[in-house]
Amino acid sequence: MNAQVWMGILLPFLGTSLGAAMVFVLKDRISDGMQRMLTGFAAGVMVAASFWSLLQPALEGAEGMGKLSFIPAAVGFLVGIGFLLLDNITPHMHMDE
């Protein structure tokens, strides 16, 4: 593999690893406001990733359906919401802090 491929693999890996390591470094020193801000930022990144990686290609792929081209993306979106709701009613095992 060439250097460009290695950089394409290692750069996201290092960024993710360093970001995850901050959880352990700042665990007891981060304020509630900063934690909420970072959580909101992460949620925004995930919404953008979901749209540009899943919903937008689904909408483009179904353009040939005419007026009903939104149906595959809408059904997938609603199924995803259903799984999130199912996760809320499913019992979870939590470790005591």
PDB file of N, CA and C in Angstrom:
ATOM      1  N   MET A   1       0.850  -1.187   0.000  1.00  0.00           N
ATOM      2  CA  MET A   1       0.000   0.000   0.000  1.00  0.00           C
ATOM      3  C   MET A   1       0.888   1.240   0.000  1.00  0.00           C
ATOM      4  N   ASN A   2       0.398   2.282  -0.618  1.00  0.00           N
ATOM      5  CA  ASN A   2       1.195   3.500  -0.672  1.00  0.00           C
ATOM      6  C   ASN A   2       0.936   4.382   0.561  1.00  0.00           C
ATOM      7  N   ALA A   3       1.698   5.454   0.665  1.00  0.00           N
ATOM      8  CA  ALA A   3       1.634   6.329   1.842  1.00  0.00           C
ATOM      9  C   ALA A   3       0.278   7.010   1.971  1.00  0.00           C
ATOM     10  N   GLN A   4      -0.367   7.325   0.860  1.00  0.00           N
ATOM     11  CA  GLN A   4      -1.660   7.996   0.916  1.00  0.00           C
ATOM     12  C   GLN A   4      -2.733   7.082   1.525  1.00  0.00           C
ATOM     13  N   VAL A   5      -2.677   5.804   1.210  1.00  0.00           N
ATOM     14  CA  VAL A   5      -3.621   4.849   1.789  1.00  0.00           C
ATOM     15  C   VAL A   5      -3.387   4.741   3.290  1.00  0.00           C
ATOM     16  N   TRP A   6      -2.115   4.645   3.700  1.00  0.00           N
ATOM     17  CA  TRP A   6      -1.803   4.555   5.126  1.00  0.00           C
ATOM     18  C   TRP A   6      -2.273   5.790   5.884  1.00  0.00           C
ATOM     19  N   MET A   7      -2.103   6.966   5.293  1.00  0.00           N
ATOM     20  CA  MET A   7      -2.574   8.195   5.937  1.00  0.00           C
ATOM     21  C   MET A   7      -4.099   8.201   6.035  1.00  0.00           C
ATOM     22  N   GLY A   8      -4.765   7.683   5.013  1.00  0.00           N
ATOM     23  CA  GLY A   8      -6.223   7.605   5.027  1.00  0.00           C
ATOM     24  C   GLY A   8      -6.745   6.656   6.079  1.00  0.00           C
ATOM     25  N   ILE A   9      -5.950   5.674   6.450  1.00  0.00           N
ATOM     26  CA  ILE A   9      -6.338   4.727   7.495  1.00  0.00           C
ATOM     27  C   ILE A   9      -5.935   5.250   8.872  1.00  0.00           C
ATOM     28  N   LEU A  10      -4.708   5.731   8.994  1.00  0.00           N
ATOM     29  CA  LEU A  10      -4.182   6.112  10.302  1.00  0.00           C
ATOM     30  C   LEU A  10      -4.735   7.426  10.842  1.00  0.00           C
ATOM     31  N   LEU A  11      -5.010   8.386   9.983  1.00  0.00           N
ATOM     32  CA  LEU A  11      -5.496   9.675  10.456  1.00  0.00           C
ATOM     33  C   LEU A  11      -6.845   9.555  11.177  1.00  0.00           C
ATOM     34  N   PRO A  12      -7.860   8.911  10.604  1.00  0.00           N
ATOM     35  CA  PRO A  12      -9.107   8.742  11.359  1.00  0.00           C
ATOM     36  C   PRO A  12      -8.927   7.881  12.610  1.00  0.00           C
ATOM     37  N   PHE A  13      -8.058   6.860  12.516  1.00  0.00           N
ATOM     38  CA  PHE A  13      -7.806   6.011  13.673  1.00  0.00           C
ATOM     39  C   PHE A  13      -7.207   6.813  14.824  1.00  0.00           C
ATOM     40  N   LEU A  14      -6.218   7.631  14.537  1.00  0.00           N
ATOM     41  CA  LEU A  14      -5.591   8.434  15.586  1.00  0.00           C
ATOM     42  C   LEU A  14      -6.557   9.475  16.149  1.00  0.00           C
ATOM     43  N   GLY A  15      -7.340  10.117  15.298  1.00  0.00           N
ATOM     44  CA  GLY A  15      -8.309  11.099  15.769  1.00  0.00           C
ATOM     45  C   GLY A  15      -9.353  10.474  16.675  1.00  0.00           C
ATOM     46  N   THR A  16      -9.859   9.315  16.284  1.00  0.00           N
ATOM     47  CA  THR A  16     -10.850   8.621  17.103  1.00  0.00           C
ATOM     48  C   THR A  16     -10.238   8.155  18.415  1.00  0.00           C
ATOM     49  N   SER A  17      -9.022   7.626  18.366  1.00  0.00           N
ATOM     50  CA  SER A  17      -8.362   7.143  19.577  1.00  0.00           C
ATOM     51  C   SER A  17      -8.080   8.277  20.558  1.00  0.00           C
ATOM     52  N   LEU A  18      -7.588   9.397  20.044  1.00  0.00           N
ATOM     53  CA  LEU A  18      -7.321  10.532  20.924  1.00  0.00           C
ATOM     54  C   LEU A  18      -8.606  11.104  21.512  1.00  0.00           C
ATOM     55  N   GLY A  19      -9.653  11.182  20.710  1.00  0.00           N
ATOM     56  CA  GLY A  19     -10.930  11.670  21.218  1.00  0.00           C
ATOM     57  C   GLY A  19     -11.506  10.759  22.289  1.00  0.00           C
ATOM     58  N   ALA A  20     -11.398   9.469  22.084  1.00  0.00           N
ATOM     59  CA  ALA A  20     -11.893   8.519  23.077  1.00  0.00           C
ATOM     60  C   ALA A  20     -11.046   8.556  24.347  1.00  0.00           C
ATOM     61  N   ALA A  21      -9.759   8.784  24.209  1.00  0.00           N
ATOM     62  CA  ALA A  21      -8.878   8.852  25.379  1.00  0.00           C
ATOM     63  C   ALA A  21      -9.229  10.040  26.275  1.00  0.00           C
ATOM     64  N   MET A  22      -9.776  11.103  25.685  1.00  0.00           N
ATOM     65  CA  MET A  22     -10.151  12.281  26.469  1.00  0.00           C
ATOM     66  C   MET A  22     -11.252  11.970  27.473  1.00  0.00           C
ATOM     67  N   VAL A  23     -12.060  10.949  27.194  1.00  0.00           N
ATOM     68  CA  VAL A  23     -13.092  10.546  28.148  1.00  0.00           C
ATOM     69  C   VAL A  23     -12.447  10.133  29.464  1.00  0.00           C
ATOM     70  N   PHE A  24     -11.359   9.419  29.383  1.00  0.00           N
ATOM     71  CA  PHE A  24     -10.694   8.957  30.599  1.00  0.00           C
ATOM     72  C   PHE A  24      -9.879  10.061  31.253  1.00  0.00           C
ATOM     73  N   VAL A  25      -9.311  10.943  30.451  1.00  0.00           N
ATOM     74  CA  VAL A  25      -8.486  12.021  30.990  1.00  0.00           C
ATOM     75  C   VAL A  25      -9.344  13.073  31.681  1.00  0.00           C
ATOM     76  N   LEU A  26     -10.468  13.433  31.077  1.00  0.00           N
ATOM     77  CA  LEU A  26     -11.299  14.524  31.587  1.00  0.00           C
ATOM     78  C   LEU A  26     -12.530  14.047  32.354  1.00  0.00           C
ATOM     79  N   LYS A  27     -12.589  12.789  32.689  1.00  0.00           N
ATOM     80  CA  LYS A  27     -13.790  12.187  33.271  1.00  0.00           C
ATOM     81  C   LYS A  27     -14.329  12.967  34.473  1.00  0.00           C
ATOM     82  N   ASP A  28     -13.485  13.323  35.407  1.00  0.00           N
ATOM     83  CA  ASP A  28     -13.944  13.980  36.623  1.00  0.00           C
ATOM     84  C   ASP A  28     -13.780  15.494  36.589  1.00  0.00           C
ATOM     85  N   ARG A  29     -13.176  16.039  35.548  1.00  0.00           N
ATOM     86  CA  ARG A  29     -12.878  17.468  35.524  1.00  0.00           C
ATOM     87  C   ARG A  29     -13.721  18.260  34.536  1.00  0.00           C
ATOM     88  N   ILE A  30     -14.625  17.646  33.847  1.00  0.00           N
ATOM     89  CA  ILE A  30     -15.387  18.351  32.829  1.00  0.00           C
ATOM     90  C   ILE A  30     -16.708  18.849  33.441  1.00  0.00           C
ATOM     91  N   SER A  31     -17.074  20.100  33.130  1.00  0.00           N
ATOM     92  CA  SER A  31     -18.300  20.678  33.689  1.00  0.00           C
ATOM     93  C   SER A  31     -19.519  20.117  32.959  1.00  0.00           C
ATOM     94  N   ASP A  32     -20.686  20.269  33.601  1.00  0.00           N
ATOM     95  CA  ASP A  32     -21.921  19.786  32.981  1.00  0.00           C
ATOM     96  C   ASP A  32     -22.212  20.523  31.678  1.00  0.00           C
ATOM     97  N   GLY A  33     -21.951  21.828  31.665  1.00  0.00           N
ATOM     98  CA  GLY A  33     -22.186  22.608  30.452  1.00  0.00           C
ATOM     99  C   GLY A  33     -21.319  22.148  29.299  1.00  0.00           C
ATOM    100  N   MET A  34     -20.055  21.899  29.566  1.00  0.00           N
ATOM    101  CA  MET A  34     -19.144  21.429  28.515  1.00  0.00           C
ATOM    102  C   MET A  34     -19.545  20.035  28.054  1.00  0.00           C
ATOM    103  N   GLN A  35     -19.955  19.187  28.984  1.00  0.00           N
ATOM    104  CA  GLN A  35     -20.374  17.842  28.616  1.00  0.00           C
ATOM    105  C   GLN A  35     -21.609  17.898  27.715  1.00  0.00           C
ATOM    106  N   ARG A  36     -22.554  18.778  28.035  1.00  0.00           N
ATOM    107  CA  ARG A  36     -23.748  18.916  27.199  1.00  0.00           C
ATOM    108  C   ARG A  36     -23.390  19.461  25.818  1.00  0.00           C
ATOM    109  N   MET A  37     -22.459  20.412  25.777  1.00  0.00           N
ATOM    110  CA  MET A  37     -22.049  20.972  24.499  1.00  0.00           C
ATOM    111  C   MET A  37     -21.383  19.899  23.628  1.00  0.00           C
ATOM    112  N   LEU A  38     -20.498  19.117  24.204  1.00  0.00           N
ATOM    113  CA  LEU A  38     -19.824  18.070  23.442  1.00  0.00           C
ATOM    114  C   LEU A  38     -20.794  16.978  23.001  1.00  0.00           C
ATOM    115  N   THR A  39     -21.765  16.644  23.856  1.00  0.00           N
ATOM    116  CA  THR A  39     -22.762  15.649  23.496  1.00  0.00           C
ATOM    117  C   THR A  39     -23.638  16.159  22.355  1.00  0.00           C
ATOM    118  N   GLY A  40     -24.013  17.432  22.410  1.00  0.00           N
ATOM    119  CA  GLY A  40     -24.797  18.031  21.324  1.00  0.00           C
ATOM    120  C   GLY A  40     -24.029  18.057  20.018  1.00  0.00           C
ATOM    121  N   PHE A  41     -22.741  18.373  20.091  1.00  0.00           N
ATOM    122  CA  PHE A  41     -21.906  18.372  18.890  1.00  0.00           C
ATOM    123  C   PHE A  41     -21.837  16.968  18.295  1.00  0.00           C
ATOM    124  N   ALA A  42     -21.639  15.962  19.148  1.00  0.00           N
ATOM    125  CA  ALA A  42     -21.571  14.581  18.668  1.00  0.00           C
ATOM    126  C   ALA A  42     -22.894  14.165  18.034  1.00  0.00           C
ATOM    127  N   ALA A  43     -24.006  14.583  18.623  1.00  0.00           N
ATOM    128  CA  ALA A  43     -25.316  14.259  18.051  1.00  0.00           C
ATOM    129  C   ALA A  43     -25.477  14.918  16.682  1.00  0.00           C
ATOM    130  N   GLY A  44     -25.029  16.154  16.550  1.00  0.00           N
ATOM    131  CA  GLY A  44     -25.109  16.836  15.260  1.00  0.00           C
ATOM    132  C   GLY A  44     -24.269  16.161  14.198  1.00  0.00           C
ATOM    133  N   VAL A  45     -23.093  15.710  14.569  1.00  0.00           N
ATOM    134  CA  VAL A  45     -22.229  14.995  13.627  1.00  0.00           C
ATOM    135  C   VAL A  45     -22.906  13.702  13.171  1.00  0.00           C
ATOM    136  N   MET A  46     -23.550  12.997  14.090  1.00  0.00           N
ATOM    137  CA  MET A  46     -24.210  11.747  13.726  1.00  0.00           C
ATOM    138  C   MET A  46     -25.429  11.986  12.839  1.00  0.00           C
ATOM    139  N   VAL A  47     -26.161  13.065  13.086  1.00  0.00           N
ATOM    140  CA  VAL A  47     -27.306  13.389  12.218  1.00  0.00           C
ATOM    141  C   VAL A  47     -26.814  13.701  10.804  1.00  0.00           C
ATOM    142  N   ALA A  48     -25.750  14.495  10.710  1.00  0.00           N
ATOM    143  CA  ALA A  48     -25.194  14.823   9.396  1.00  0.00           C
ATOM    144  C   ALA A  48     -24.684  13.570   8.695  1.00  0.00           C
ATOM    145  N   ALA A  49     -23.992  12.713   9.419  1.00  0.00           N
ATOM    146  CA  ALA A  49     -23.480  11.472   8.823  1.00  0.00           C
ATOM    147  C   ALA A  49     -24.631  10.587   8.358  1.00  0.00           C
ATOM    148  N   SER A  50     -25.689  10.514   9.140  1.00  0.00           N
ATOM    149  CA  SER A  50     -26.847   9.704   8.748  1.00  0.00           C
ATOM    150  C   SER A  50     -27.491  10.241   7.483  1.00  0.00           C
ATOM    151  N   PHE A  51     -27.633  11.553   7.401  1.00  0.00           N
ATOM    152  CA  PHE A  51     -28.272  12.112   6.214  1.00  0.00           C
ATOM    153  C   PHE A  51     -27.418  11.908   4.974  1.00  0.00           C
ATOM    154  N   TRP A  52     -26.155  12.342   5.038  1.00  0.00           N
ATOM    155  CA  TRP A  52     -25.320  12.324   3.832  1.00  0.00           C
ATOM    156  C   TRP A  52     -24.891  10.917   3.427  1.00  0.00           C
ATOM    157  N   SER A  53     -24.852   9.977   4.372  1.00  0.00           N
ATOM    158  CA  SER A  53     -24.414   8.619   4.024  1.00  0.00           C
ATOM    159  C   SER A  53     -25.563   7.662   3.762  1.00  0.00           C
ATOM    160  N   LEU A  54     -26.750   7.964   4.286  1.00  0.00           N
ATOM    161  CA  LEU A  54     -27.865   7.024   4.150  1.00  0.00           C
ATOM    162  C   LEU A  54     -29.073   7.619   3.438  1.00  0.00           C
ATOM    163  N   LEU A  55     -29.609   8.708   3.958  1.00  0.00           N
ATOM    164  CA  LEU A  55     -30.847   9.246   3.407  1.00  0.00           C
ATOM    165  C   LEU A  55     -30.665   9.873   2.025  1.00  0.00           C
ATOM    166  N   GLN A  56     -29.630  10.674   1.853  1.00  0.00           N
ATOM    167  CA  GLN A  56     -29.404  11.314   0.550  1.00  0.00           C
ATOM    168  C   GLN A  56     -29.185  10.282  -0.566  1.00  0.00           C
ATOM    169  N   PRO A  57     -28.335   9.258  -0.369  1.00  0.00           N
ATOM    170  CA  PRO A  57     -28.204   8.238  -1.427  1.00  0.00           C
ATOM    171  C   PRO A  57     -29.506   7.470  -1.670  1.00  0.00           C
ATOM    172  N   ALA A  58     -30.304   7.244  -0.623  1.00  0.00           N
ATOM    173  CA  ALA A  58     -31.582   6.552  -0.813  1.00  0.00           C
ATOM    174  C   ALA A  58     -32.530   7.394  -1.654  1.00  0.00           C
ATOM    175  N   LEU A  59     -32.537   8.698  -1.393  1.00  0.00           N
ATOM    176  CA  LEU A  59     -33.385   9.591  -2.185  1.00  0.00           C
ATOM    177  C   LEU A  59     -32.922   9.645  -3.641  1.00  0.00           C
ATOM    178  N   GLU A  60     -31.621   9.703  -3.856  1.00  0.00           N
ATOM    179  CA  GLU A  60     -31.095   9.731  -5.222  1.00  0.00           C
ATOM    180  C   GLU A  60     -31.329   8.413  -5.946  1.00  0.00           C
ATOM    181  N   GLY A  61     -31.201   7.302  -5.215  1.00  0.00           N
ATOM    182  CA  GLY A  61     -31.383   5.995  -5.837  1.00  0.00           C
ATOM    183  C   GLY A  61     -32.817   5.709  -6.245  1.00  0.00           C
ATOM    184  N   ALA A  62     -33.765   6.378  -5.598  1.00  0.00           N
ATOM    185  CA  ALA A  62     -35.175   6.126  -5.897  1.00  0.00           C
ATOM    186  C   ALA A  62     -35.784   7.201  -6.782  1.00  0.00           C
ATOM    187  N   GLU A  63     -34.970   8.021  -7.428  1.00  0.00           N
ATOM    188  CA  GLU A  63     -35.491   9.109  -8.260  1.00  0.00           C
ATOM    189  C   GLU A  63     -36.393   8.612  -9.385  1.00  0.00           C
ATOM    190  N   GLY A  64     -36.175   7.397  -9.840  1.00  0.00           N
ATOM    191  CA  GLY A  64     -36.971   6.859 -10.936  1.00  0.00           C
ATOM    192  C   GLY A  64     -38.399   6.519 -10.556  1.00  0.00           C
ATOM    193  N   MET A  65     -38.749   6.566  -9.286  1.00  0.00           N
ATOM    194  CA  MET A  65     -40.102   6.238  -8.838  1.00  0.00           C
ATOM    195  C   MET A  65     -41.073   7.407  -9.005  1.00  0.00           C
ATOM    196  N   GLY A  66     -40.572   8.554  -9.444  1.00  0.00           N
ATOM    197  CA  GLY A  66     -41.445   9.709  -9.655  1.00  0.00           C
ATOM    198  C   GLY A  66     -41.845  10.364  -8.347  1.00  0.00           C
ATOM    199  N   LYS A  67     -43.153  10.602  -8.196  1.00  0.00           N
ATOM    200  CA  LYS A  67     -43.655  11.298  -7.006  1.00  0.00           C
ATOM    201  C   LYS A  67     -43.464  10.490  -5.724  1.00  0.00           C
ATOM    202  N   LEU A  68     -43.316   9.191  -5.825  1.00  0.00           N
ATOM    203  CA  LEU A  68     -43.173   8.336  -4.648  1.00  0.00           C
ATOM    204  C   LEU A  68     -41.716   8.031  -4.311  1.00  0.00           C
ATOM    205  N   SER A  69     -40.796   8.793  -4.840  1.00  0.00           N
ATOM    206  CA  SER A  69     -39.379   8.497  -4.641  1.00  0.00           C
ATOM    207  C   SER A  69     -38.922   8.684  -3.194  1.00  0.00           C
ATOM    208  N   PHE A  70     -39.705   9.340  -2.375  1.00  0.00           N
ATOM    209  CA  PHE A  70     -39.344   9.533  -0.974  1.00  0.00           C
ATOM    210  C   PHE A  70     -39.687   8.312  -0.120  1.00  0.00           C
ATOM    211  N   ILE A  71     -40.506   7.396  -0.617  1.00  0.00           N
ATOM    212  CA  ILE A  71     -41.004   6.266   0.181  1.00  0.00           C
ATOM    213  C   ILE A  71     -39.885   5.376   0.733  1.00  0.00           C
ATOM    214  N   PRO A  72     -38.901   4.906  -0.058  1.00  0.00           N
ATOM    215  CA  PRO A  72     -37.865   4.040   0.525  1.00  0.00           C
ATOM    216  C   PRO A  72     -37.092   4.719   1.663  1.00  0.00           C
ATOM    217  N   ALA A  73     -36.733   5.985   1.490  1.00  0.00           N
ATOM    218  CA  ALA A  73     -36.002   6.690   2.538  1.00  0.00           C
ATOM    219  C   ALA A  73     -36.880   6.904   3.762  1.00  0.00           C
ATOM    220  N   ALA A  74     -38.147   7.238   3.558  1.00  0.00           N
ATOM    221  CA  ALA A  74     -39.061   7.462   4.678  1.00  0.00           C
ATOM    222  C   ALA A  74     -39.295   6.173   5.460  1.00  0.00           C
ATOM    223  N   VAL A  75     -39.463   5.064   4.758  1.00  0.00           N
ATOM    224  CA  VAL A  75     -39.671   3.777   5.434  1.00  0.00           C
ATOM    225  C   VAL A  75     -38.422   3.400   6.242  1.00  0.00           C
ATOM    226  N   GLY A  76     -37.249   3.556   5.644  1.00  0.00           N
ATOM    227  CA  GLY A  76     -36.015   3.256   6.377  1.00  0.00           C
ATOM    228  C   GLY A  76     -35.849   4.144   7.598  1.00  0.00           C
ATOM    229  N   PHE A  77     -36.188   5.418   7.460  1.00  0.00           N
ATOM    230  CA  PHE A  77     -36.104   6.357   8.579  1.00  0.00           C
ATOM    231  C   PHE A  77     -37.052   5.937   9.701  1.00  0.00           C
ATOM    232  N   LEU A  78     -38.284   5.580   9.356  1.00  0.00           N
ATOM    233  CA  LEU A  78     -39.263   5.170  10.364  1.00  0.00           C
ATOM    234  C   LEU A  78     -38.885   3.840  11.026  1.00  0.00           C
ATOM    235  N   VAL A  79     -38.318   2.922  10.268  1.00  0.00           N
ATOM    236  CA  VAL A  79     -37.850   1.655  10.855  1.00  0.00           C
ATOM    237  C   VAL A  79     -36.726   1.930  11.861  1.00  0.00           C
ATOM    238  N   GLY A  80     -35.829   2.859  11.506  1.00  0.00           N
ATOM    239  CA  GLY A  80     -34.766   3.242  12.438  1.00  0.00           C
ATOM    240  C   GLY A  80     -35.321   3.831  13.719  1.00  0.00           C
ATOM    241  N   ILE A  81     -36.332   4.685  13.604  1.00  0.00           N
ATOM    242  CA  ILE A  81     -36.980   5.246  14.791  1.00  0.00           C
ATOM    243  C   ILE A  81     -37.607   4.130  15.613  1.00  0.00           C
ATOM    244  N   GLY A  82     -38.206   3.167  14.934  1.00  0.00           N
ATOM    245  CA  GLY A  82     -38.800   2.027  15.646  1.00  0.00           C
ATOM    246  C   GLY A  82     -37.776   1.256  16.460  1.00  0.00           C
ATOM    247  N   PHE A  83     -36.593   1.042  15.892  1.00  0.00           N
ATOM    248  CA  PHE A  83     -35.546   0.350  16.644  1.00  0.00           C
ATOM    249  C   PHE A  83     -35.083   1.162  17.842  1.00  0.00           C
ATOM    250  N   LEU A  84     -35.017   2.489  17.699  1.00  0.00           N
ATOM    251  CA  LEU A  84     -34.654   3.331  18.840  1.00  0.00           C
ATOM    252  C   LEU A  84     -35.705   3.250  19.936  1.00  0.00           C
ATOM    253  N   LEU A  85     -36.973   3.258  19.555  1.00  0.00           N
ATOM    254  CA  LEU A  85     -38.040   3.130  20.549  1.00  0.00           C
ATOM    255  C   LEU A  85     -38.004   1.757  21.211  1.00  0.00           C
ATOM    256  N   LEU A  86     -37.722   0.727  20.442  1.00  0.00           N
ATOM    257  CA  LEU A  86     -37.601  -0.627  20.995  1.00  0.00           C
ATOM    258  C   LEU A  86     -36.471  -0.695  22.006  1.00  0.00           C
ATOM    259  N   ASP A  87     -35.384   0.018  21.733  1.00  0.00           N
ATOM    260  CA  ASP A  87     -34.259   0.048  22.665  1.00  0.00           C
ATOM    261  C   ASP A  87     -34.656   0.700  23.985  1.00  0.00           C
ATOM    262  N   ASN A  88     -35.561   1.673  23.941  1.00  0.00           N
ATOM    263  CA  ASN A  88     -35.999   2.344  25.166  1.00  0.00           C
ATOM    264  C   ASN A  88     -36.852   1.459  26.052  1.00  0.00           C
ATOM    265  N   ILE A  89     -37.578   0.497  25.484  1.00  0.00           N
ATOM    266  CA  ILE A  89     -38.443  -0.358  26.306  1.00  0.00           C
ATOM    267  C   ILE A  89     -37.784  -1.690  26.669  1.00  0.00           C
ATOM    268  N   THR A  90     -36.619  -1.974  26.083  1.00  0.00           N
ATOM    269  CA  THR A  90     -35.907  -3.214  26.369  1.00  0.00           C
ATOM    270  C   THR A  90     -35.113  -3.057  27.660  1.00  0.00           C
ATOM    271  N   PRO A  91     -35.231  -4.012  28.579  1.00  0.00           N
ATOM    272  CA  PRO A  91     -34.441  -3.896  29.816  1.00  0.00           C
ATOM    273  C   PRO A  91     -32.941  -3.993  29.524  1.00  0.00           C
ATOM    274  N   HIS A  92     -32.173  -3.195  30.241  1.00  0.00           N
ATOM    275  CA  HIS A  92     -30.727  -3.173  30.080  1.00  0.00           C
ATOM    276  C   HIS A  92     -30.063  -3.502  31.405  1.00  0.00           C
ATOM    277  N   MET A  93     -28.905  -4.109  31.326  1.00  0.00           N
ATOM    278  CA  MET A  93     -28.099  -4.346  32.525  1.00  0.00           C
ATOM    279  C   MET A  93     -27.127  -3.180  32.663  1.00  0.00           C
ATOM    280  N   HIS A  94     -27.157  -2.496  33.798  1.00  0.00           N
ATOM    281  CA  HIS A  94     -26.270  -1.378  34.029  1.00  0.00           C
ATOM    282  C   HIS A  94     -25.316  -1.719  35.167  1.00  0.00           C
ATOM    283  N   MET A  95     -24.070  -1.315  34.985  1.00  0.00           N
ATOM    284  CA  MET A  95     -23.083  -1.527  36.039  1.00  0.00           C
ATOM    285  C   MET A  95     -23.217  -0.407  37.053  1.00  0.00           C
ATOM    286  N   ASP A  96     -23.132  -0.741  38.324  1.00  0.00           N
ATOM    287  CA  ASP A  96     -23.185   0.282  39.372  1.00  0.00           C
ATOM    288  C   ASP A  96     -21.910   1.098  39.331  1.00  0.00           C
ATOM    289  N   GLU A  97     -22.065   2.398  39.571  1.00  0.00           N
ATOM    290  CA  GLU A  97     -20.900   3.284  39.552  1.00  0.00           C
ATOM    291  C   GLU A  97     -20.210   3.288  40.877  1.00  0.00           C
TER     292      GLU A  97
END
